C-alpha atoms as a PDB file:
ATOM      1  CA  MET A   1      80.511  91.976 118.746  1.00  0.00           C
ATOM      2  CA  SER A   2      80.738  92.435 115.099  1.00  0.00           C
ATOM      3  CA  GLN A   3      83.734  93.100 113.341  1.00  0.00           C
ATOM      4  CA  THR A   4      82.808  96.779 112.394  1.00  0.00           C
ATOM      5  CA  VAL A   5      81.214  97.913 115.927  1.00  0.00           C
ATOM      6  CA  THR A   6      84.050  97.099 116.769  1.00  0.00           C
ATOM      7  CA  ARG A   7      86.115  99.274 114.893  1.00  0.00           C
ATOM      8  CA  ALA A   8      84.594 101.978 115.244  1.00  0.00           C
ATOM      9  CA  LEU A   9      84.390 101.828 118.830  1.00  0.00           C
ATOM     10  CA  SER A  10      88.491 101.325 119.402  1.00  0.00           C
ATOM     11  CA  LEU A  11      88.068 104.994 117.266  1.00  0.00           C
ATOM     12  CA  LEU A  12      86.470 106.791 119.444  1.00  0.00           C
ATOM     13  CA  THR A  13      88.511 105.190 121.928  1.00  0.00           C
ATOM     14  CA  GLU A  14      90.647 106.783 120.643  1.00  0.00           C
ATOM     15  CA  LEU A  15      90.096 110.135 119.867  1.00  0.00           C
ATOM     16  CA  ALA A  16      89.446 110.486 123.352  1.00  0.00           C
ATOM     17  CA  GLU A  17      93.156 110.124 123.904  1.00  0.00           C
ATOM     18  CA  GLY A  18      93.250 113.062 120.950  1.00  0.00           C
ATOM     19  CA  GLU A  19      92.334 114.252 118.012  1.00  0.00           C
ATOM     20  CA  ARG A  20      93.714 111.881 115.197  1.00  0.00           C
ATOM     21  CA  SER A  21      95.491 112.566 111.229  1.00  0.00           C
ATOM     22  CA  LEU A  22      93.399 109.510 109.498  1.00  0.00           C
ATOM     23  CA  GLU A  23      96.947 107.841 108.869  1.00  0.00           C
ATOM     24  CA  GLN A  24      97.044 107.762 112.336  1.00  0.00           C
ATOM     25  CA  LEU A  25      93.836 105.816 112.555  1.00  0.00           C
ATOM     26  CA  ALA A  26      94.044 104.104 109.620  1.00  0.00           C
ATOM     27  CA  GLY A  27      97.543 102.589 111.542  1.00  0.00           C
ATOM     28  CA  LEU A  28      95.550 101.915 115.017  1.00  0.00           C
ATOM     29  CA  LEU A  29      93.353 100.083 113.128  1.00  0.00           C
ATOM     30  CA  GLY A  30      95.716  98.073 110.713  1.00  0.00           C
ATOM     31  CA  VAL A  31      93.520  98.312 107.962  1.00  0.00           C
ATOM     32  CA  HIS A  32      93.416 101.121 104.407  1.00  0.00           C
ATOM     33  CA  LYS A  33      92.903 104.329 104.848  1.00  0.00           C
ATOM     34  CA  THR A  34      89.735 104.719 102.621  1.00  0.00           C
ATOM     35  CA  THR A  35      88.821 101.866 104.951  1.00  0.00           C
ATOM     36  CA  ALA A  36      89.307 103.895 107.815  1.00  0.00           C
ATOM     37  CA  LEU A  37      87.336 106.481 106.197  1.00  0.00           C
ATOM     38  CA  ARG A  38      84.224 105.097 106.267  1.00  0.00           C
ATOM     39  CA  LEU A  39      83.929 104.307 109.597  1.00  0.00           C
ATOM     40  CA  LEU A  40      85.063 107.757 109.729  1.00  0.00           C
ATOM     41  CA  GLN A  41      81.955 109.308 108.136  1.00  0.00           C
ATOM     42  CA  SER A  42      79.970 107.138 109.089  1.00  0.00           C
ATOM     43  CA  LEU A  43      80.594 108.698 112.239  1.00  0.00           C
ATOM     44  CA  GLU A  44      80.491 111.685 111.893  1.00  0.00           C
ATOM     45  CA  GLU A  45      77.017 111.906 110.417  1.00  0.00           C
ATOM     46  CA  ALA A  46      76.255 110.765 113.903  1.00  0.00           C
ATOM     47  CA  ARG A  47      77.758 114.248 115.216  1.00  0.00           C
ATOM     48  CA  LEU A  48      80.009 111.142 117.183  1.00  0.00           C
ATOM     49  CA  VAL A  49      83.506 112.681 115.734  1.00  0.00           C
ATOM     50  CA  TYR A  50      84.309 115.766 113.457  1.00  0.00           C
ATOM     51  CA  ARG A  51      87.025 116.222 110.936  1.00  0.00           C
ATOM     52  CA  ASP A  52      88.792 120.393 111.633  1.00  0.00           C
ATOM     53  CA  ALA A  53      90.086 122.421 108.984  1.00  0.00           C
ATOM     54  CA  ASP A  54      93.551 120.604 109.658  1.00  0.00           C
ATOM     55  CA  TYR A  55      91.685 117.390 108.266  1.00  0.00           C
ATOM     56  CA  ARG A  56      92.326 116.304 112.145  1.00  0.00           C
ATOM     57  CA  TYR A  57      90.074 114.090 114.052  1.00  0.00           C
ATOM     58  CA  HIS A  58      88.097 115.163 117.318  1.00  0.00           C
ATOM     59  CA  LEU A  59      85.347 113.600 119.263  1.00  0.00           C
ATOM     60  CA  GLY A  60      81.648 114.850 118.124  1.00  0.00           C
ATOM     61  CA  ALA A  61      79.032 117.049 120.209  1.00  0.00           C
ATOM     62  CA  GLY A  62      76.469 114.057 119.311  1.00  0.00           C
ATOM     63  CA  LEU A  63      78.532 112.033 122.978  1.00  0.00           C
ATOM     64  CA  PHE A  64      77.621 115.155 124.973  1.00  0.00           C
ATOM     65  CA  ALA A  65      73.975 114.506 124.579  1.00  0.00           C
ATOM     66  CA  LEU A  66      74.691 110.933 124.494  1.00  0.00           C
ATOM     67  CA  SER A  67      76.940 110.922 127.852  1.00  0.00           C
ATOM     68  CA  SER A  68      73.953 113.628 128.995  1.00  0.00           C
ATOM     69  CA  ARG A  69      71.161 110.292 128.460  1.00  0.00           C
ATOM     70  CA  ALA A  70      73.541 107.628 130.413  1.00  0.00           C
ATOM     71  CA  LEU A  71      73.617 110.276 133.380  1.00  0.00           C
ATOM     72  CA  GLU A  72      69.895 110.870 133.608  1.00  0.00           C
ATOM     73  CA  GLN A  73      69.483 107.453 133.157  1.00  0.00           C
ATOM     74  CA  ARG A  74      70.844 106.540 136.498  1.00  0.00           C
ATOM     75  CA  SER A  75      67.864 107.753 139.244  1.00  0.00           C
ATOM     76  CA  VAL A  76      70.070 106.645 142.245  1.00  0.00           C
ATOM     77  CA  ARG A  77      72.946 109.997 140.651  1.00  0.00           C
ATOM     78  CA  ARG A  78      69.934 112.267 140.086  1.00  0.00           C
ATOM     79  CA  THR A  79      68.465 111.276 144.069  1.00  0.00           C
ATOM     80  CA  ALA A  80      72.282 111.625 145.388  1.00  0.00           C
ATOM     81  CA  ALA A  81      72.751 114.471 143.861  1.00  0.00           C
ATOM     82  CA  PRO A  82      71.428 117.241 145.655  1.00  0.00           C
ATOM     83  CA  HIS A  83      73.091 115.684 149.452  1.00  0.00           C
ATOM     84  CA  LEU A  84      76.595 115.768 147.618  1.00  0.00           C
ATOM     85  CA  ALA A  85      77.130 118.946 146.686  1.00  0.00           C
ATOM     86  CA  GLU A  86      75.677 119.853 150.072  1.00  0.00           C
ATOM     87  CA  LEU A  87      78.628 117.326 151.697  1.00  0.00           C
ATOM     88  CA  SER A  88      81.660 118.830 149.238  1.00  0.00           C
ATOM     89  CA  ALA A  89      80.212 122.367 150.663  1.00  0.00           C
ATOM     90  CA  ALA A  90      80.613 121.408 154.143  1.00  0.00           C
ATOM     91  CA  THR A  91      84.104 119.794 154.784  1.00  0.00           C
ATOM     92  CA  GLY A  92      85.532 121.005 151.966  1.00  0.00           C
ATOM     93  CA  GLN A  93      86.918 117.912 149.966  1.00  0.00           C
ATOM     94  CA  THR A  94      85.599 116.275 146.664  1.00  0.00           C
ATOM     95  CA  VAL A  95      82.703 113.877 146.352  1.00  0.00           C
ATOM     96  CA  HIS A  96      82.527 110.991 144.361  1.00  0.00           C
ATOM     97  CA  LEU A  97      79.510 108.682 143.836  1.00  0.00           C
ATOM     98  CA  ALA A  98      79.558 105.460 142.127  1.00  0.00           C
ATOM     99  CA  ALA A  99      78.177 102.082 140.463  1.00  0.00           C
ATOM    100  CA  LEU A 100      79.246  98.788 139.771  1.00  0.00           C
ATOM    101  CA  GLU A 101      78.977  98.640 135.634  1.00  0.00           C
ATOM    102  CA  GLY A 102      79.758  95.482 133.655  1.00  0.00           C
ATOM    103  CA  GLY A 103      81.937  94.240 136.533  1.00  0.00           C
ATOM    104  CA  GLU A 104      83.587  97.428 136.898  1.00  0.00           C
ATOM    105  CA  VAL A 105      82.903 100.024 138.564  1.00  0.00           C
ATOM    106  CA  VAL A 106      82.338 103.637 137.023  1.00  0.00           C
ATOM    107  CA  TYR A 107      82.494 107.393 138.587  1.00  0.00           C
ATOM    108  CA  ILE A 108      78.890 108.786 138.375  1.00  0.00           C
ATOM    109  CA  ASP A 109      79.251 111.910 139.747  1.00  0.00           C
ATOM    110  CA  LYS A 110      81.718 114.265 141.092  1.00  0.00           C
ATOM    111  CA  PHE A 111      81.307 117.588 143.172  1.00  0.00           C
ATOM    112  CA  GLU A 112      85.556 119.153 143.375  1.00  0.00           C
ATOM    113  CA  SER A 113      86.872 119.805 146.298  1.00  0.00           C
ATOM    114  CA  ARG A 114      87.966 123.678 147.004  1.00  0.00           C
ATOM    115  CA  GLN A 115      91.145 123.068 147.417  1.00  0.00           C
ATOM    116  CA  PRO A 116      94.442 123.488 145.309  1.00  0.00           C
ATOM    117  CA  VAL A 117      95.294 120.143 144.553  1.00  0.00           C
ATOM    118  CA  ARG A 118      92.870 116.898 143.344  1.00  0.00           C
ATOM    119  CA  MET A 119      92.027 114.202 142.728  1.00  0.00           C
ATOM    120  CA  TYR A 120      92.560 113.217 139.353  1.00  0.00           C
ATOM    121  CA  SER A 121      88.974 111.236 138.732  1.00  0.00           C
ATOM    122  CA  ARG A 122      86.656 111.797 135.722  1.00  0.00           C
ATOM    123  CA  ILE A 123      83.070 111.204 135.470  1.00  0.00           C
ATOM    124  CA  GLY A 124      82.386 107.793 133.169  1.00  0.00           C
ATOM    125  CA  LEU A 125      86.037 106.313 134.611  1.00  0.00           C
ATOM    126  CA  PRO A 126      87.037 103.454 135.586  1.00  0.00           C
ATOM    127  CA  VAL A 127      88.436 102.771 139.269  1.00  0.00           C
ATOM    128  CA  ALA A 128      90.836 101.121 139.770  1.00  0.00           C
ATOM    129  CA  MET A 129      89.000  98.234 141.776  1.00  0.00           C
ATOM    130  CA  HIS A 130      90.997  96.383 144.505  1.00  0.00           C
ATOM    131  CA  CYS A 131      91.938  99.916 146.163  1.00  0.00           C
ATOM    132  CA  ALA A 132      89.461 102.131 145.367  1.00  0.00           C
ATOM    133  CA  ALA A 133      87.613 102.796 148.682  1.00  0.00           C
ATOM    134  CA  VAL A 134      83.849 103.076 146.120  1.00  0.00           C
ATOM    135  CA  ALA A 135      85.290 100.177 144.739  1.00  0.00           C
ATOM    136  CA  LYS A 136      85.662  97.814 148.502  1.00  0.00           C
ATOM    137  CA  VAL A 137      82.447  99.321 149.055  1.00  0.00           C
ATOM    138  CA  LEU A 138      80.369  98.104 146.175  1.00  0.00           C
ATOM    139  CA  LEU A 139      82.064  94.754 145.794  1.00  0.00           C
ATOM    140  CA  ALA A 140      81.372  94.012 149.947  1.00  0.00           C
ATOM    141  CA  ASP A 141      77.970  93.990 148.722  1.00  0.00           C
ATOM    142  CA  LEU A 142      78.251  90.978 146.726  1.00  0.00           C
ATOM    143  CA  PRO A 143      77.905  87.046 147.369  1.00  0.00           C
ATOM    144  CA  LEU A 144      80.678  86.040 148.126  1.00  0.00           C
ATOM    145  CA  PRO A 145      80.426  84.146 145.088  1.00  0.00           C
ATOM    146  CA  GLU A 146      80.640  86.784 142.890  1.00  0.00           C
ATOM    147  CA  ARG A 147      82.843  88.758 144.588  1.00  0.00           C
ATOM    148  CA  GLN A 148      84.967  86.313 144.922  1.00  0.00           C
ATOM    149  CA  ARG A 149      85.024  86.067 140.723  1.00  0.00           C
ATOM    150  CA  LEU A 150      85.758  89.571 139.960  1.00  0.00           C
ATOM    151  CA  VAL A 151      88.377  89.408 142.172  1.00  0.00           C
ATOM    152  CA  ALA A 152      89.890  86.998 141.034  1.00  0.00           C
ATOM    153  CA  ALA A 153      89.552  88.473 137.681  1.00  0.00           C
ATOM    154  CA  LEU A 154      91.607  91.314 138.674  1.00  0.00           C
ATOM    155  CA  GLU A 155      94.864  93.185 137.624  1.00  0.00           C
ATOM    156  CA  PHE A 156      96.688  93.124 140.597  1.00  0.00           C
ATOM    157  CA  THR A 157      98.507  96.712 139.928  1.00  0.00           C
ATOM    158  CA  PRO A 158     101.235  98.042 142.351  1.00  0.00           C
ATOM    159  CA  PHE A 159     100.345 102.220 142.813  1.00  0.00           C
ATOM    160  CA  THR A 160     101.856 102.413 146.159  1.00  0.00           C
ATOM    161  CA  GLU A 161     102.969 101.123 148.814  1.00  0.00           C
ATOM    162  CA  ARG A 162     100.396 100.806 149.747  1.00  0.00           C
ATOM    163  CA  THR A 163      98.568  99.003 147.474  1.00  0.00           C
ATOM    164  CA  LEU A 164      96.293  95.133 147.769  1.00  0.00           C
ATOM    165  CA  THR A 165      98.337  93.184 145.184  1.00  0.00           C
ATOM    166  CA  THR A 166      97.116  89.621 146.569  1.00  0.00           C
ATOM    167  CA  PRO A 167      93.400  88.865 145.603  1.00  0.00           C
ATOM    168  CA  LYS A 168      93.394  86.679 149.753  1.00  0.00           C
ATOM    169  CA  ALA A 169      94.550  90.770 150.829  1.00  0.00           C
ATOM    170  CA  LEU A 170      91.096  92.236 148.888  1.00  0.00           C
ATOM    171  CA  LEU A 171      89.269  89.388 149.942  1.00  0.00           C
ATOM    172  CA  ALA A 172      90.085  90.032 153.685  1.00  0.00           C
ATOM    173  CA  GLU A 173      89.390  94.038 153.341  1.00  0.00           C
ATOM    174  CA  LEU A 174      86.406  93.281 151.567  1.00  0.00           C
ATOM    175  CA  ALA A 175      85.079  91.254 154.943  1.00  0.00           C
ATOM    176  CA  GLN A 176      86.037  93.499 156.812  1.00  0.00           C
ATOM    177  CA  VAL A 177      84.426  96.655 155.021  1.00  0.00           C
ATOM    178  CA  ALA A 178      80.765  94.416 154.771  1.00  0.00           C
ATOM    179  CA  GLY A 179      80.904  94.244 158.072  1.00  0.00           C
ATOM    180  CA  GLN A 180      82.249  97.814 158.907  1.00  0.00           C
ATOM    181  CA  GLY A 181      79.865  98.969 156.987  1.00  0.00           C
ATOM    182  CA  TRP A 182      82.166 102.258 155.504  1.00  0.00           C
ATOM    183  CA  ALA A 183      86.062 101.297 152.992  1.00  0.00           C
ATOM    184  CA  GLN A 184      89.034 103.362 153.039  1.00  0.00           C
ATOM    185  CA  ASP A 185      91.458 103.829 150.329  1.00  0.00           C
ATOM    186  CA  ARG A 186      94.521 104.868 152.423  1.00  0.00           C
ATOM    187  CA  ALA A 187      97.412 105.772 150.071  1.00  0.00           C
ATOM    188  CA  GLU A 188      96.381 102.831 148.215  1.00  0.00           C
ATOM    189  CA  HIS A 189      95.852 104.672 144.588  1.00  0.00           C
ATOM    190  CA  GLU A 190      98.046 108.167 144.480  1.00  0.00           C
ATOM    191  CA  PRO A 191     100.518 108.105 147.616  1.00  0.00           C
ATOM    192  CA  PHE A 192      98.852 111.614 148.506  1.00  0.00           C
ATOM    193  CA  MET A 193      95.340 110.896 148.482  1.00  0.00           C
ATOM    194  CA  ASN A 194      93.273 109.475 151.179  1.00  0.00           C
ATOM    195  CA  CYS A 195      90.210 108.372 150.782  1.00  0.00           C
ATOM    196  CA  VAL A 196      87.097 106.623 152.801  1.00  0.00           C
ATOM    197  CA  ALA A 197      83.644 105.390 150.618  1.00  0.00           C
ATOM    198  CA  ALA A 198      79.836 104.735 152.567  1.00  0.00           C
ATOM    199  CA  PRO A 199      76.912 102.667 150.055  1.00  0.00           C
ATOM    200  CA  ILE A 200      74.217 104.141 149.197  1.00  0.00           C
ATOM    201  CA  ARG A 201      70.868 101.138 149.564  1.00  0.00           C
ATOM    202  CA  ASP A 202      67.718 100.987 147.364  1.00  0.00           C
ATOM    203  CA  ALA A 203      64.377  99.372 149.050  1.00  0.00           C
ATOM    204  CA  THR A 204      65.874  95.745 148.663  1.00  0.00           C
ATOM    205  CA  GLY A 205      68.512  97.307 150.412  1.00  0.00           C
ATOM    206  CA  ARG A 206      70.632  96.008 148.043  1.00  0.00           C
ATOM    207  CA  VAL A 207      73.448  98.490 147.649  1.00  0.00           C
ATOM    208  CA  VAL A 208      73.525 100.999 144.649  1.00  0.00           C
ATOM    209  CA  ALA A 209      76.233 102.847 144.596  1.00  0.00           C
ATOM    210  CA  ALA A 210      78.676 104.346 146.901  1.00  0.00           C
ATOM    211  CA  ALA A 211      80.153 107.728 147.936  1.00  0.00           C
ATOM    212  CA  SER A 212      83.493 108.853 148.866  1.00  0.00           C
ATOM    213  CA  LEU A 213      85.481 112.037 150.299  1.00  0.00           C
ATOM    214  CA  SER A 214      88.925 112.654 148.345  1.00  0.00           C
ATOM    215  CA  VAL A 215      91.266 113.851 150.969  1.00  0.00           C
ATOM    216  CA  PRO A 216      95.066 115.301 149.349  1.00  0.00           C
ATOM    217  CA  ASP A 217      97.610 114.135 152.835  1.00  0.00           C
ATOM    218  CA  LEU A 218      98.477 117.957 152.357  1.00  0.00           C
ATOM    219  CA  VAL A 219      94.548 119.043 153.080  1.00  0.00           C
ATOM    220  CA  LEU A 220      94.174 116.512 155.856  1.00  0.00           C
ATOM    221  CA  PRO A 221      96.399 114.040 157.393  1.00  0.00           C
ATOM    222  CA  TYR A 222      94.651 109.945 157.652  1.00  0.00           C
ATOM    223  CA  GLU A 223      93.690 110.947 160.713  1.00  0.00           C
ATOM    224  CA  ARG A 224      91.892 113.486 160.185  1.00  0.00           C
ATOM    225  CA  VAL A 225      89.607 112.553 157.127  1.00  0.00           C
ATOM    226  CA  LEU A 226      88.073 109.636 159.493  1.00  0.00           C
ATOM    227  CA  GLU A 227      86.893 112.696 161.149  1.00  0.00           C
ATOM    228  CA  LEU A 228      84.848 113.387 158.109  1.00  0.00           C
ATOM    229  CA  LEU A 229      83.651 109.459 158.602  1.00  0.00           C
ATOM    230  CA  PRO A 230      80.787 110.701 160.631  1.00  0.00           C
ATOM    231  CA  GLN A 231      78.773 113.458 157.986  1.00  0.00           C
ATOM    232  CA  LEU A 232      80.513 110.808 155.308  1.00  0.00           C
ATOM    233  CA  LEU A 233      77.825 108.298 156.353  1.00  0.00           C
ATOM    234  CA  ALA A 234      74.689 110.734 157.426  1.00  0.00           C
ATOM    235  CA  THR A 235      74.945 112.089 154.251  1.00  0.00           C
ATOM    236  CA  SER A 236      74.635 107.980 152.479  1.00  0.00           C
ATOM    237  CA  ALA A 237      72.247 107.078 155.089  1.00  0.00           C
ATOM    238  CA  ALA A 238      70.322 110.651 153.712  1.00  0.00           C
ATOM    239  CA  ILE A 239      70.358 109.141 150.617  1.00  0.00           C
ATOM    240  CA  SER A 240      69.553 105.523 151.163  1.00  0.00           C
ATOM    241  CA  ALA A 241      66.333 106.959 152.212  1.00  0.00           C
ATOM    242  CA  ASP A 242      65.544 108.892 149.511  1.00  0.00           C
ATOM    243  CA  CYS A 243      65.763 105.970 147.663  1.00  0.00           C
ATOM    244  CA  GLY A 244      63.558 103.589 149.488  1.00  0.00           C
ATOM    245  CA  SER A 245      65.972 101.893 151.842  1.00  0.00           C
ATOM    246  CA  PRO A 246      63.964 100.429 155.771  1.00  0.00           C
END
């Protein structure tokens, strides 16, 4: 990747965290302000960033159009949306749709819970692959050599006392997920959140996405979350059927 492209992407990533001044952005890149300004002017012309009256930079509206088109290109998202909306309405819980892209698992859709306590997640963000239920579903469907390669490259950050912290432990759980057809995150990423996830398959039978229910334990204990699993599995089966899965 060229240095210019790398620097432009670094600027966008930094601005995703909040507004920044020219001086701050130049410092981030380790370049003179004139170099940073040239990059920012190009991004402004593309409407990817804008400068406010106080000469501070923000992400621009052009990114809205790009993100919308990126989501539109994921046919499984269009197919799944009405089913997931119905599941969220029926259960009152947060529903996610995730897919494996470029060695990462990312959320591609989300339907918010009616509960006051909610899971922090955003469409487009990657998930922690060693503990998220959707990631376990997607990894479990991969051929074993590819599964082992991806697991070996993970950072096993211990988010809670329940987080899996070794490749051996995760691979063992993935084998179980592959056999049972669903996955769990029992307070592995957030200590108050339990999730269950199920696979969505296409016409080839390959898992192309994963759907999940996320429930704070203040709302339902883990055992009650498992009672929602049949609804989730029925939903994922309906979506898979609409995707052409036999």
